[in-house]
Amino acid sequence: MKSKLSSFKTILLSLLVMALWGSLFPCIKIGYQVFSIIGTDIPSILMFAGTRFTICGGVICAIALCRKDKIQTPKVKTIGIFLFIGLFSIILHYAFLYIGISSTDSSKTALIKQLGSLIYVCFAFLFFKNETFSFYKILGAIVGFLGIIAINFNAKGITFSLGDILIVCASVCTVVANIISKKIISQNSPFWVTGISQLSGGIVLMLIAVIFGANLLSFTWQGLAVFVYICTASMVAYVLWNYILRTSDLSNMFIIKFAEPLFACVFSAILLNENIFQWQYLIAFILISTGIVLGNKTKREKENESKNI
C-alpha cells in the first residue's frame, strides 16, 4: 500500500510539473508582447531567456546554500557536470525554444516538443542497462513521428517552418540534459543541480545577448507580474522534476511528460485565444500518445511478469 501511495504521489507531482511547464508556453508569448519583443529580434529573445534563468538559478542556489545541501565529491568535477547540463538544458534548449516559439503557436510548440520523449524511448537502451531494445520501441518511434508529420500538414501539404525545426532541436537537447541529470541526480541535491545549471546557462545567454546588441529588460508592473510567474513556475517545476528523477524511471517520466502539451493547449486557449480545435492536433495527439505507449509496452510487460513471479 505504501509503494502504491508513493507512486500515486509521484504521478500527482509529475502532473503538477507538466501543468507548470505547459502554462509557460503561452506566458512566454505574453512576455514577448509585454516587453515589446518581436520574433526577429533574437538578441532580445535571448536576453529574456537569460534574465529568467539567471534569476531562477541564483534564487535556487541561495536556497540550496541555506539548506546546506551537499555536492558529491570531487566537487570540481561534479560542478563541471552541472555546467554541462546547463549547456543542453538551458543555453541550447532555450535558445532554440524561445526563437522557435516566437514564430509558432504555443500549443503546437508543446506538441512538437514531445519528439524528444519518443527519441529517448527508442534509444534508452544505449544509456541505461535496465532499458531494453524492442520492436515496439521502433514501431512507437515511427507512429510518433507520423504524429509530428500530421501536426504540420495543411492544405498545401506537409510544411515544416524554421520555428518547427528549432523546437525539434530543443526537444533533443531536453533528452540529452535529462539523461545526464538522471546519471548524477541520485548523489546530488536537486537544488544544486537545478540552480547551478540554470544560473550558468542564464548568464551565458545574457552575455551572448549583450554581445549582439540587446539591452537589459525594462520592467513595467505588468512585465514584472508576468516575469514573477514565469520564474516561480520555472523554479518549482525544475526542482520538483529533478527531485522526482532521483527515484523514478526516466521512461515512465517521459510518458507522463506527454501531459505537458495538453496543459499547454488549455492555457493557450484561455490566455491567447488560440484555436486548438483543429483536426491536425487531434490526430497528432492520438499518434504521439500511441507511439509512447507502444514504445514502453515491453517495459510494462516485464514489470507485470516480475509481479506475477
C-alpha atoms as a PDB file:
ATOM      1  CA  MET A   1       0.000   0.000   0.000  1.00  0.00           C
ATOM      2  CA  LYS A   2       2.836   2.344   0.867  1.00  0.00           C
ATOM      3  CA  SER A   3       4.527   1.852  -2.544  1.00  0.00           C
ATOM      4  CA  LYS A   4       1.240   2.463  -4.357  1.00  0.00           C
ATOM      5  CA  LEU A   5       0.674   5.639  -2.372  1.00  0.00           C
ATOM      6  CA  SER A   6       4.224   6.760  -3.151  1.00  0.00           C
ATOM      7  CA  SER A   7       3.661   6.037  -6.849  1.00  0.00           C
ATOM      8  CA  PHE A   8       0.383   7.980  -6.767  1.00  0.00           C
ATOM      9  CA  LYS A   9       2.123  10.966  -5.178  1.00  0.00           C
ATOM     10  CA  THR A  10       4.848  10.787  -7.825  1.00  0.00           C
ATOM     11  CA  ILE A  11       2.249  10.913 -10.597  1.00  0.00           C
ATOM     12  CA  LEU A  12       0.481  13.864  -8.980  1.00  0.00           C
ATOM     13  CA  LEU A  13       3.740  15.776  -8.518  1.00  0.00           C
ATOM     14  CA  SER A  14       4.736  14.968 -12.105  1.00  0.00           C
ATOM     15  CA  LEU A  15       1.406  16.252 -13.399  1.00  0.00           C
ATOM     16  CA  LEU A  16       1.898  19.436 -11.382  1.00  0.00           C
ATOM     17  CA  VAL A  17       5.260  19.888 -13.118  1.00  0.00           C
ATOM     18  CA  MET A  18       3.600  19.331 -16.512  1.00  0.00           C
ATOM     19  CA  ALA A  19       0.900  21.893 -15.678  1.00  0.00           C
ATOM     20  CA  LEU A  20       3.520  24.470 -14.718  1.00  0.00           C
ATOM     21  CA  TRP A  21       5.618  23.821 -17.820  1.00  0.00           C
ATOM     22  CA  GLY A  22       2.516  23.796 -20.008  1.00  0.00           C
ATOM     23  CA  SER A  23       1.437  27.184 -18.684  1.00  0.00           C
ATOM     24  CA  LEU A  24       4.822  28.682 -19.582  1.00  0.00           C
ATOM     25  CA  PHE A  25       4.335  28.328 -23.353  1.00  0.00           C
ATOM     26  CA  PRO A  26       1.585  30.983 -23.612  1.00  0.00           C
ATOM     27  CA  CYS A  27       3.117  33.024 -20.770  1.00  0.00           C
ATOM     28  CA  ILE A  28       6.369  33.369 -22.716  1.00  0.00           C
ATOM     29  CA  LYS A  29       4.436  34.717 -25.700  1.00  0.00           C
ATOM     30  CA  ILE A  30       2.618  37.132 -23.383  1.00  0.00           C
ATOM     31  CA  GLY A  31       6.040  38.151 -22.074  1.00  0.00           C
ATOM     32  CA  TYR A  32       7.141  38.967 -25.619  1.00  0.00           C
ATOM     33  CA  GLN A  33       4.114  41.236 -26.002  1.00  0.00           C
ATOM     34  CA  VAL A  34       4.619  42.954 -22.631  1.00  0.00           C
ATOM     35  CA  PHE A  35       8.326  43.608 -23.262  1.00  0.00           C
ATOM     36  CA  SER A  36       7.686  44.542 -26.936  1.00  0.00           C
ATOM     37  CA  ILE A  37       9.923  41.771 -28.273  1.00  0.00           C
ATOM     38  CA  ILE A  38       9.357  40.822 -31.914  1.00  0.00           C
ATOM     39  CA  GLY A  39      10.143  37.416 -33.388  1.00  0.00           C
ATOM     40  CA  THR A  40      13.077  38.665 -35.463  1.00  0.00           C
ATOM     41  CA  ASP A  41      14.806  40.349 -32.517  1.00  0.00           C
ATOM     42  CA  ILE A  42      16.890  37.337 -31.486  1.00  0.00           C
ATOM     43  CA  PRO A  43      19.234  39.210 -29.096  1.00  0.00           C
ATOM     44  CA  SER A  44      16.237  40.483 -27.063  1.00  0.00           C
ATOM     45  CA  ILE A  45      14.720  36.991 -27.049  1.00  0.00           C
ATOM     46  CA  LEU A  46      17.977  35.579 -25.662  1.00  0.00           C
ATOM     47  CA  MET A  47      18.090  38.384 -23.076  1.00  0.00           C
ATOM     48  CA  PHE A  48      14.556  37.464 -21.979  1.00  0.00           C
ATOM     49  CA  ALA A  49      15.537  33.811 -21.564  1.00  0.00           C
ATOM     50  CA  GLY A  50      18.868  34.623 -19.935  1.00  0.00           C
ATOM     51  CA  THR A  51      17.336  37.012 -17.400  1.00  0.00           C
ATOM     52  CA  ARG A  52      14.738  34.402 -16.473  1.00  0.00           C
ATOM     53  CA  PHE A  53      17.259  31.669 -15.730  1.00  0.00           C
ATOM     54  CA  THR A  54      19.870  33.886 -14.115  1.00  0.00           C
ATOM     55  CA  ILE A  55      17.256  34.958 -11.563  1.00  0.00           C
ATOM     56  CA  CYS A  56      15.874  31.413 -11.152  1.00  0.00           C
ATOM     57  CA  GLY A  57      19.315  29.854 -10.804  1.00  0.00           C
ATOM     58  CA  GLY A  58      20.507  32.476  -8.325  1.00  0.00           C
ATOM     59  CA  VAL A  59      17.451  32.026  -6.099  1.00  0.00           C
ATOM     60  CA  ILE A  60      17.686  28.222  -6.168  1.00  0.00           C
ATOM     61  CA  CYS A  61      21.427  28.283  -5.368  1.00  0.00           C
ATOM     62  CA  ALA A  62      20.687  30.580  -2.413  1.00  0.00           C
ATOM     63  CA  ILE A  63      18.058  28.121  -1.160  1.00  0.00           C
ATOM     64  CA  ALA A  64      20.495  25.206  -1.539  1.00  0.00           C
ATOM     65  CA  LEU A  65      23.113  27.164   0.401  1.00  0.00           C
ATOM     66  CA  CYS A  66      20.656  27.934   3.214  1.00  0.00           C
ATOM     67  CA  ARG A  67      19.591  24.280   3.304  1.00  0.00           C
ATOM     68  CA  LYS A  68      23.268  23.280   3.469  1.00  0.00           C
ATOM     69  CA  ASP A  69      22.735  20.765   0.671  1.00  0.00           C
ATOM     70  CA  LYS A  70      25.813  18.790  -0.322  1.00  0.00           C
ATOM     71  CA  ILE A  71      27.524  18.280  -3.666  1.00  0.00           C
ATOM     72  CA  GLN A  72      29.137  14.943  -4.471  1.00  0.00           C
ATOM     73  CA  THR A  73      32.937  14.861  -4.350  1.00  0.00           C
ATOM     74  CA  PRO A  74      35.091  15.605  -6.227  1.00  0.00           C
ATOM     75  CA  LYS A  75      33.162  18.871  -6.274  1.00  0.00           C
ATOM     76  CA  VAL A  76      35.050  20.478  -9.163  1.00  0.00           C
ATOM     77  CA  LYS A  77      34.210  17.568 -11.480  1.00  0.00           C
ATOM     78  CA  THR A  78      30.594  17.433 -10.312  1.00  0.00           C
ATOM     79  CA  ILE A  79      30.056  21.170 -10.775  1.00  0.00           C
ATOM     80  CA  GLY A  80      31.559  20.756 -14.248  1.00  0.00           C
ATOM     81  CA  ILE A  81      28.829  18.219 -14.998  1.00  0.00           C
ATOM     82  CA  PHE A  82      26.220  20.692 -13.704  1.00  0.00           C
ATOM     83  CA  LEU A  83      27.585  23.264 -16.153  1.00  0.00           C
ATOM     84  CA  PHE A  84      27.390  20.692 -18.955  1.00  0.00           C
ATOM     85  CA  ILE A  85      23.734  20.084 -18.058  1.00  0.00           C
ATOM     86  CA  GLY A  86      23.220  23.843 -18.232  1.00  0.00           C
ATOM     87  CA  LEU A  87      24.658  23.853 -21.762  1.00  0.00           C
ATOM     88  CA  PHE A  88      21.938  21.495 -23.024  1.00  0.00           C
ATOM     89  CA  SER A  89      19.032  22.192 -20.662  1.00  0.00           C
ATOM     90  CA  ILE A  90      19.311  25.994 -20.661  1.00  0.00           C
ATOM     91  CA  ILE A  91      21.647  27.515 -23.262  1.00  0.00           C
ATOM     92  CA  LEU A  92      20.914  25.342 -26.317  1.00  0.00           C
ATOM     93  CA  HIS A  93      17.437  24.210 -25.310  1.00  0.00           C
ATOM     94  CA  TYR A  94      16.018  27.649 -24.586  1.00  0.00           C
ATOM     95  CA  ALA A  95      17.866  29.412 -27.384  1.00  0.00           C
ATOM     96  CA  PHE A  96      16.133  27.020 -29.802  1.00  0.00           C
ATOM     97  CA  LEU A  97      12.815  27.103 -27.918  1.00  0.00           C
ATOM     98  CA  TYR A  98      12.488  30.876 -27.430  1.00  0.00           C
ATOM     99  CA  ILE A  99      13.418  31.665 -31.029  1.00  0.00           C
ATOM    100  CA  GLY A 100      11.169  28.878 -32.329  1.00  0.00           C
ATOM    101  CA  ILE A 101       8.133  29.775 -30.217  1.00  0.00           C
ATOM    102  CA  SER A 102       8.246  33.352 -31.483  1.00  0.00           C
ATOM    103  CA  SER A 103       7.009  32.132 -34.878  1.00  0.00           C
ATOM    104  CA  THR A 104       4.940  29.086 -33.865  1.00  0.00           C
ATOM    105  CA  ASP A 105       1.681  28.661 -31.919  1.00  0.00           C
ATOM    106  CA  SER A 106       2.479  27.791 -28.302  1.00  0.00           C
ATOM    107  CA  SER A 107       0.063  24.828 -28.343  1.00  0.00           C
ATOM    108  CA  LYS A 108       1.730  23.457 -31.494  1.00  0.00           C
ATOM    109  CA  THR A 109       5.161  24.043 -29.969  1.00  0.00           C
ATOM    110  CA  ALA A 110       4.283  21.940 -26.936  1.00  0.00           C
ATOM    111  CA  LEU A 111       3.217  19.028 -29.132  1.00  0.00           C
ATOM    112  CA  ILE A 112       6.275  19.094 -31.400  1.00  0.00           C
ATOM    113  CA  LYS A 113       8.482  19.178 -28.315  1.00  0.00           C
ATOM    114  CA  GLN A 114       7.343  15.654 -27.400  1.00  0.00           C
ATOM    115  CA  LEU A 115       9.510  14.220 -30.172  1.00  0.00           C
ATOM    116  CA  GLY A 116      12.297  14.072 -27.599  1.00  0.00           C
ATOM    117  CA  SER A 117      10.296  11.647 -25.472  1.00  0.00           C
ATOM    118  CA  LEU A 118       9.958   9.298 -28.436  1.00  0.00           C
ATOM    119  CA  ILE A 119      13.658   9.506 -29.225  1.00  0.00           C
ATOM    120  CA  TYR A 120      14.536   8.547 -25.672  1.00  0.00           C
ATOM    121  CA  VAL A 121      12.017   5.687 -25.517  1.00  0.00           C
ATOM    122  CA  CYS A 122      13.531   4.169 -28.664  1.00  0.00           C
ATOM    123  CA  PHE A 123      17.182   4.539 -27.737  1.00  0.00           C
ATOM    124  CA  ALA A 124      17.165   4.403 -23.931  1.00  0.00           C
ATOM    125  CA  PHE A 125      18.930   1.011 -24.019  1.00  0.00           C
ATOM    126  CA  LEU A 126      22.057   2.828 -25.203  1.00  0.00           C
ATOM    127  CA  PHE A 127      22.248   4.856 -21.987  1.00  0.00           C
ATOM    128  CA  PHE A 128      20.853   2.687 -19.178  1.00  0.00           C
ATOM    129  CA  LYS A 129      21.382  -1.049 -18.601  1.00  0.00           C
ATOM    130  CA  ASN A 130      17.860  -1.609 -17.265  1.00  0.00           C
ATOM    131  CA  GLU A 131      16.346  -0.338 -20.531  1.00  0.00           C
ATOM    132  CA  THR A 132      15.832  -2.876 -23.329  1.00  0.00           C
ATOM    133  CA  PHE A 133      15.660  -2.623 -27.114  1.00  0.00           C
ATOM    134  CA  SER A 134      12.463  -3.931 -28.727  1.00  0.00           C
ATOM    135  CA  PHE A 135      10.366  -3.965 -31.885  1.00  0.00           C
ATOM    136  CA  TYR A 136       7.672  -2.000 -30.054  1.00  0.00           C
ATOM    137  CA  LYS A 137      10.072   0.882 -29.441  1.00  0.00           C
ATOM    138  CA  ILE A 138      10.876   1.171 -33.150  1.00  0.00           C
ATOM    139  CA  LEU A 139       7.170   0.939 -34.003  1.00  0.00           C
ATOM    140  CA  GLY A 140       6.444   3.566 -31.369  1.00  0.00           C
ATOM    141  CA  ALA A 141       9.028   5.898 -32.888  1.00  0.00           C
ATOM    142  CA  ILE A 142       7.509   5.523 -36.368  1.00  0.00           C
ATOM    143  CA  VAL A 143       3.957   6.125 -35.135  1.00  0.00           C
ATOM    144  CA  GLY A 144       5.089   9.085 -33.030  1.00  0.00           C
ATOM    145  CA  PHE A 145       6.976  10.622 -35.941  1.00  0.00           C
ATOM    146  CA  LEU A 146       3.807  10.356 -38.029  1.00  0.00           C
ATOM    147  CA  GLY A 147       2.179  12.472 -35.333  1.00  0.00           C
ATOM    148  CA  ILE A 148       4.814  15.150 -35.828  1.00  0.00           C
ATOM    149  CA  ILE A 149       4.129  14.994 -39.579  1.00  0.00           C
ATOM    150  CA  ALA A 150       0.361  15.237 -39.006  1.00  0.00           C
ATOM    151  CA  ILE A 151       0.576  18.422 -36.968  1.00  0.00           C
ATOM    152  CA  ASN A 152       2.475  20.087 -39.811  1.00  0.00           C
ATOM    153  CA  PHE A 153       0.005  19.036 -42.521  1.00  0.00           C
ATOM    154  CA  ASN A 154      -2.253  21.625 -44.162  1.00  0.00           C
ATOM    155  CA  ALA A 155      -3.997  22.256 -47.464  1.00  0.00           C
ATOM    156  CA  LYS A 156      -0.647  22.859 -49.148  1.00  0.00           C
ATOM    157  CA  GLY A 157       0.739  19.563 -47.897  1.00  0.00           C
ATOM    158  CA  ILE A 158       3.407  18.949 -45.254  1.00  0.00           C
ATOM    159  CA  THR A 159       5.206  22.091 -44.166  1.00  0.00           C
ATOM    160  CA  PHE A 160       7.956  22.489 -41.576  1.00  0.00           C
ATOM    161  CA  SER A 161       8.855  26.041 -40.688  1.00  0.00           C
ATOM    162  CA  LEU A 162      12.194  27.127 -39.254  1.00  0.00           C
ATOM    163  CA  GLY A 163      10.384  27.557 -35.929  1.00  0.00           C
ATOM    164  CA  ASP A 164       9.235  23.920 -36.001  1.00  0.00           C
ATOM    165  CA  ILE A 165      12.771  22.682 -36.703  1.00  0.00           C
ATOM    166  CA  LEU A 166      14.151  24.755 -33.824  1.00  0.00           C
ATOM    167  CA  ILE A 167      11.537  23.264 -31.474  1.00  0.00           C
ATOM    168  CA  VAL A 168      12.656  19.762 -32.510  1.00  0.00           C
ATOM    169  CA  CYS A 169      16.273  20.739 -31.735  1.00  0.00           C
ATOM    170  CA  ALA A 170      15.140  21.983 -28.310  1.00  0.00           C
ATOM    171  CA  SER A 171      13.420  18.655 -27.729  1.00  0.00           C
ATOM    172  CA  VAL A 172      16.616  16.721 -28.450  1.00  0.00           C
ATOM    173  CA  CYS A 173      18.543  18.960 -26.027  1.00  0.00           C
ATOM    174  CA  THR A 174      15.965  18.133 -23.342  1.00  0.00           C
ATOM    175  CA  VAL A 175      16.648  14.421 -23.763  1.00  0.00           C
ATOM    176  CA  VAL A 176      20.419  14.875 -23.507  1.00  0.00           C
ATOM    177  CA  ALA A 177      20.067  17.016 -20.373  1.00  0.00           C
ATOM    178  CA  ASN A 178      17.714  14.521 -18.703  1.00  0.00           C
ATOM    179  CA  ILE A 179      19.999  11.572 -19.426  1.00  0.00           C
ATOM    180  CA  ILE A 180      22.938  13.367 -17.810  1.00  0.00           C
ATOM    181  CA  SER A 181      20.791  14.508 -14.868  1.00  0.00           C
ATOM    182  CA  LYS A 182      19.464  11.002 -14.297  1.00  0.00           C
ATOM    183  CA  LYS A 183      23.014   9.641 -14.039  1.00  0.00           C
ATOM    184  CA  ILE A 184      24.112  12.077 -11.323  1.00  0.00           C
ATOM    185  CA  ILE A 185      20.963  13.243  -9.532  1.00  0.00           C
ATOM    186  CA  SER A 186      20.881  10.345  -7.032  1.00  0.00           C
ATOM    187  CA  GLN A 187      24.154  11.539  -5.458  1.00  0.00           C
ATOM    188  CA  ASN A 188      23.460  15.277  -5.530  1.00  0.00           C
ATOM    189  CA  SER A 189      20.913  17.784  -4.286  1.00  0.00           C
ATOM    190  CA  PRO A 190      18.189  18.618  -6.855  1.00  0.00           C
ATOM    191  CA  PHE A 191      18.555  22.234  -5.732  1.00  0.00           C
ATOM    192  CA  TRP A 192      22.258  22.403  -6.631  1.00  0.00           C
ATOM    193  CA  VAL A 193      21.771  20.542  -9.931  1.00  0.00           C
ATOM    194  CA  THR A 194      18.941  22.890 -10.930  1.00  0.00           C
ATOM    195  CA  GLY A 195      20.446  26.070  -9.525  1.00  0.00           C
ATOM    196  CA  ILE A 196      23.975  25.827 -10.925  1.00  0.00           C
ATOM    197  CA  SER A 197      22.830  24.662 -14.366  1.00  0.00           C
ATOM    198  CA  GLN A 198      20.238  27.449 -14.638  1.00  0.00           C
ATOM    199  CA  LEU A 199      22.472  30.198 -13.231  1.00  0.00           C
ATOM    200  CA  SER A 200      25.382  29.347 -15.528  1.00  0.00           C
ATOM    201  CA  GLY A 201      23.109  28.910 -18.542  1.00  0.00           C
ATOM    202  CA  GLY A 202      21.278  32.156 -17.848  1.00  0.00           C
ATOM    203  CA  ILE A 203      24.498  34.168 -17.525  1.00  0.00           C
ATOM    204  CA  VAL A 204      25.841  32.779 -20.811  1.00  0.00           C
ATOM    205  CA  LEU A 205      22.583  33.621 -22.630  1.00  0.00           C
ATOM    206  CA  MET A 206      22.657  37.177 -21.243  1.00  0.00           C
ATOM    207  CA  LEU A 207      26.281  37.640 -22.315  1.00  0.00           C
ATOM    208  CA  ILE A 208      25.500  36.417 -25.833  1.00  0.00           C
ATOM    209  CA  ALA A 209      22.518  38.770 -25.982  1.00  0.00           C
ATOM    210  CA  VAL A 210      24.630  41.753 -24.870  1.00  0.00           C
ATOM    211  CA  ILE A 211      27.372  40.922 -27.399  1.00  0.00           C
ATOM    212  CA  PHE A 212      24.767  41.030 -30.178  1.00  0.00           C
ATOM    213  CA  GLY A 213      23.353  44.352 -29.035  1.00  0.00           C
ATOM    214  CA  ALA A 214      20.500  43.558 -26.669  1.00  0.00           C
ATOM    215  CA  ASN A 215      19.613  45.860 -23.800  1.00  0.00           C
ATOM    216  CA  LEU A 216      18.614  44.768 -20.315  1.00  0.00           C
ATOM    217  CA  LEU A 217      14.874  44.240 -19.888  1.00  0.00           C
ATOM    218  CA  SER A 218      12.884  47.342 -18.950  1.00  0.00           C
ATOM    219  CA  PHE A 219      10.277  46.304 -16.412  1.00  0.00           C
ATOM    220  CA  THR A 220       6.763  47.685 -16.011  1.00  0.00           C
ATOM    221  CA  TRP A 221       4.340  46.473 -13.360  1.00  0.00           C
ATOM    222  CA  GLN A 222       2.675  44.265 -15.943  1.00  0.00           C
ATOM    223  CA  GLY A 223       6.016  42.916 -17.114  1.00  0.00           C
ATOM    224  CA  LEU A 224       7.103  42.299 -13.534  1.00  0.00           C
ATOM    225  CA  ALA A 225       3.931  40.298 -12.825  1.00  0.00           C
ATOM    226  CA  VAL A 226       4.465  38.104 -15.904  1.00  0.00           C
ATOM    227  CA  PHE A 227       8.141  37.607 -15.085  1.00  0.00           C
ATOM    228  CA  VAL A 228       7.475  36.711 -11.443  1.00  0.00           C
ATOM    229  CA  TYR A 229       5.077  33.974 -12.550  1.00  0.00           C
ATOM    230  CA  ILE A 230       7.441  32.635 -15.214  1.00  0.00           C
ATOM    231  CA  CYS A 231      10.357  32.499 -12.764  1.00  0.00           C
ATOM    232  CA  THR A 232       8.316  30.999  -9.928  1.00  0.00           C
ATOM    233  CA  ALA A 233       6.794  28.318 -12.159  1.00  0.00           C
ATOM    234  CA  SER A 234      10.240  27.512 -13.583  1.00  0.00           C
ATOM    235  CA  MET A 235      11.902  27.150 -10.193  1.00  0.00           C
ATOM    236  CA  VAL A 236       9.178  24.962  -8.695  1.00  0.00           C
ATOM    237  CA  ALA A 237       8.845  22.786 -11.817  1.00  0.00           C
ATOM    238  CA  TYR A 238      12.559  22.126 -12.361  1.00  0.00           C
ATOM    239  CA  VAL A 239      13.357  21.391  -8.724  1.00  0.00           C
ATOM    240  CA  LEU A 240      10.374  19.025  -8.474  1.00  0.00           C
ATOM    241  CA  TRP A 241      11.329  17.315 -11.744  1.00  0.00           C
ATOM    242  CA  ASN A 242      14.897  16.703 -10.597  1.00  0.00           C
ATOM    243  CA  TYR A 243      13.632  15.535  -7.206  1.00  0.00           C
ATOM    244  CA  ILE A 244      11.277  13.001  -8.819  1.00  0.00           C
ATOM    245  CA  LEU A 245      14.015  11.942 -11.237  1.00  0.00           C
ATOM    246  CA  ARG A 246      16.095  10.630  -8.325  1.00  0.00           C
ATOM    247  CA  THR A 247      13.804   7.646  -7.712  1.00  0.00           C
ATOM    248  CA  SER A 248      11.730   7.310 -10.893  1.00  0.00           C
ATOM    249  CA  ASP A 249      12.441   5.568 -14.184  1.00  0.00           C
ATOM    250  CA  LEU A 250      13.140   8.079 -16.950  1.00  0.00           C
ATOM    251  CA  SER A 251      10.958   6.210 -19.460  1.00  0.00           C
ATOM    252  CA  ASN A 252       7.965   6.485 -17.140  1.00  0.00           C
ATOM    253  CA  MET A 253       8.699  10.157 -16.598  1.00  0.00           C
ATOM    254  CA  PHE A 254       8.714  10.786 -20.332  1.00  0.00           C
ATOM    255  CA  ILE A 255       5.334   9.055 -20.642  1.00  0.00           C
ATOM    256  CA  ILE A 256       3.880  11.458 -18.069  1.00  0.00           C
ATOM    257  CA  LYS A 257       5.626  14.305 -19.895  1.00  0.00           C
ATOM    258  CA  PHE A 258       3.130  13.957 -22.715  1.00  0.00           C
ATOM    259  CA  ALA A 259       0.605  15.690 -20.442  1.00  0.00           C
ATOM    260  CA  GLU A 260       2.656  18.883 -20.957  1.00  0.00           C
ATOM    261  CA  PRO A 261       1.174  19.757 -24.389  1.00  0.00           C
ATOM    262  CA  LEU A 262      -2.326  19.073 -23.092  1.00  0.00           C
ATOM    263  CA  PHE A 263      -1.862  21.703 -20.388  1.00  0.00           C
ATOM    264  CA  ALA A 264      -0.168  23.998 -22.923  1.00  0.00           C
ATOM    265  CA  CYS A 265      -3.157  23.726 -25.266  1.00  0.00           C
ATOM    266  CA  VAL A 266      -5.604  24.518 -22.468  1.00  0.00           C
ATOM    267  CA  PHE A 267      -3.616  27.510 -21.203  1.00  0.00           C
ATOM    268  CA  SER A 268      -3.040  28.745 -24.773  1.00  0.00           C
ATOM    269  CA  ALA A 269      -6.770  28.640 -25.459  1.00  0.00           C
ATOM    270  CA  ILE A 270      -7.504  30.514 -22.207  1.00  0.00           C
ATOM    271  CA  LEU A 271      -4.716  33.104 -22.304  1.00  0.00           C
ATOM    272  CA  LEU A 272      -4.084  33.593 -26.036  1.00  0.00           C
ATOM    273  CA  ASN A 273      -7.397  32.513 -27.584  1.00  0.00           C
ATOM    274  CA  GLU A 274      -5.533  30.061 -29.813  1.00  0.00           C
ATOM    275  CA  ASN A 275      -7.673  27.692 -31.845  1.00  0.00           C
ATOM    276  CA  ILE A 276      -6.806  24.234 -30.560  1.00  0.00           C
ATOM    277  CA  PHE A 277      -9.816  22.541 -32.169  1.00  0.00           C
ATOM    278  CA  GLN A 278      -8.054  21.514 -35.366  1.00  0.00           C
ATOM    279  CA  TRP A 279      -8.067  18.011 -36.833  1.00  0.00           C
ATOM    280  CA  GLN A 280      -4.267  18.001 -37.120  1.00  0.00           C
ATOM    281  CA  TYR A 281      -3.940  18.479 -33.367  1.00  0.00           C
ATOM    282  CA  LEU A 282      -6.320  15.632 -32.567  1.00  0.00           C
ATOM    283  CA  ILE A 283      -4.591  13.197 -34.938  1.00  0.00           C
ATOM    284  CA  ALA A 284      -1.160  14.268 -33.686  1.00  0.00           C
ATOM    285  CA  PHE A 285      -2.241  13.737 -30.087  1.00  0.00           C
ATOM    286  CA  ILE A 286      -3.545  10.229 -30.858  1.00  0.00           C
ATOM    287  CA  LEU A 287      -0.475   9.204 -32.880  1.00  0.00           C
ATOM    288  CA  ILE A 288       2.125  10.550 -30.448  1.00  0.00           C
ATOM    289  CA  SER A 289       0.274   9.067 -27.459  1.00  0.00           C
ATOM    290  CA  THR A 290       0.100   5.702 -29.236  1.00  0.00           C
ATOM    291  CA  GLY A 291       3.796   5.924 -30.095  1.00  0.00           C
ATOM    292  CA  ILE A 292       4.805   6.481 -26.478  1.00  0.00           C
ATOM    293  CA  VAL A 293       2.545   3.661 -25.243  1.00  0.00           C
ATOM    294  CA  LEU A 294       3.957   1.248 -27.845  1.00  0.00           C
ATOM    295  CA  GLY A 295       7.497   2.308 -27.049  1.00  0.00           C
ATOM    296  CA  ASN A 296       7.009   1.369 -23.390  1.00  0.00           C
ATOM    297  CA  LYS A 297       4.996  -1.819 -23.994  1.00  0.00           C
ATOM    298  CA  THR A 298       7.903  -4.212 -23.380  1.00  0.00           C
ATOM    299  CA  LYS A 299       8.867  -2.477 -20.160  1.00  0.00           C
ATOM    300  CA  ARG A 300       5.346  -2.720 -18.733  1.00  0.00           C
ATOM    301  CA  GLU A 301       5.055  -6.407 -19.700  1.00  0.00           C
ATOM    302  CA  LYS A 302       8.297  -7.216 -17.864  1.00  0.00           C
ATOM    303  CA  GLU A 303       7.097  -5.331 -14.789  1.00  0.00           C
ATOM    304  CA  ASN A 304       3.866  -7.355 -14.806  1.00  0.00           C
ATOM    305  CA  GLU A 305       5.790 -10.617 -15.178  1.00  0.00           C
ATOM    306  CA  SER A 306       8.018  -9.767 -12.227  1.00  0.00           C
ATOM    307  CA  LYS A 307       4.953  -9.003 -10.097  1.00  0.00           C
ATOM    308  CA  ASN A 308       3.370 -12.350 -11.023  1.00  0.00           C
ATOM    309  CA  ILE A 309       6.565 -14.175 -10.088  1.00  0.00           C
END
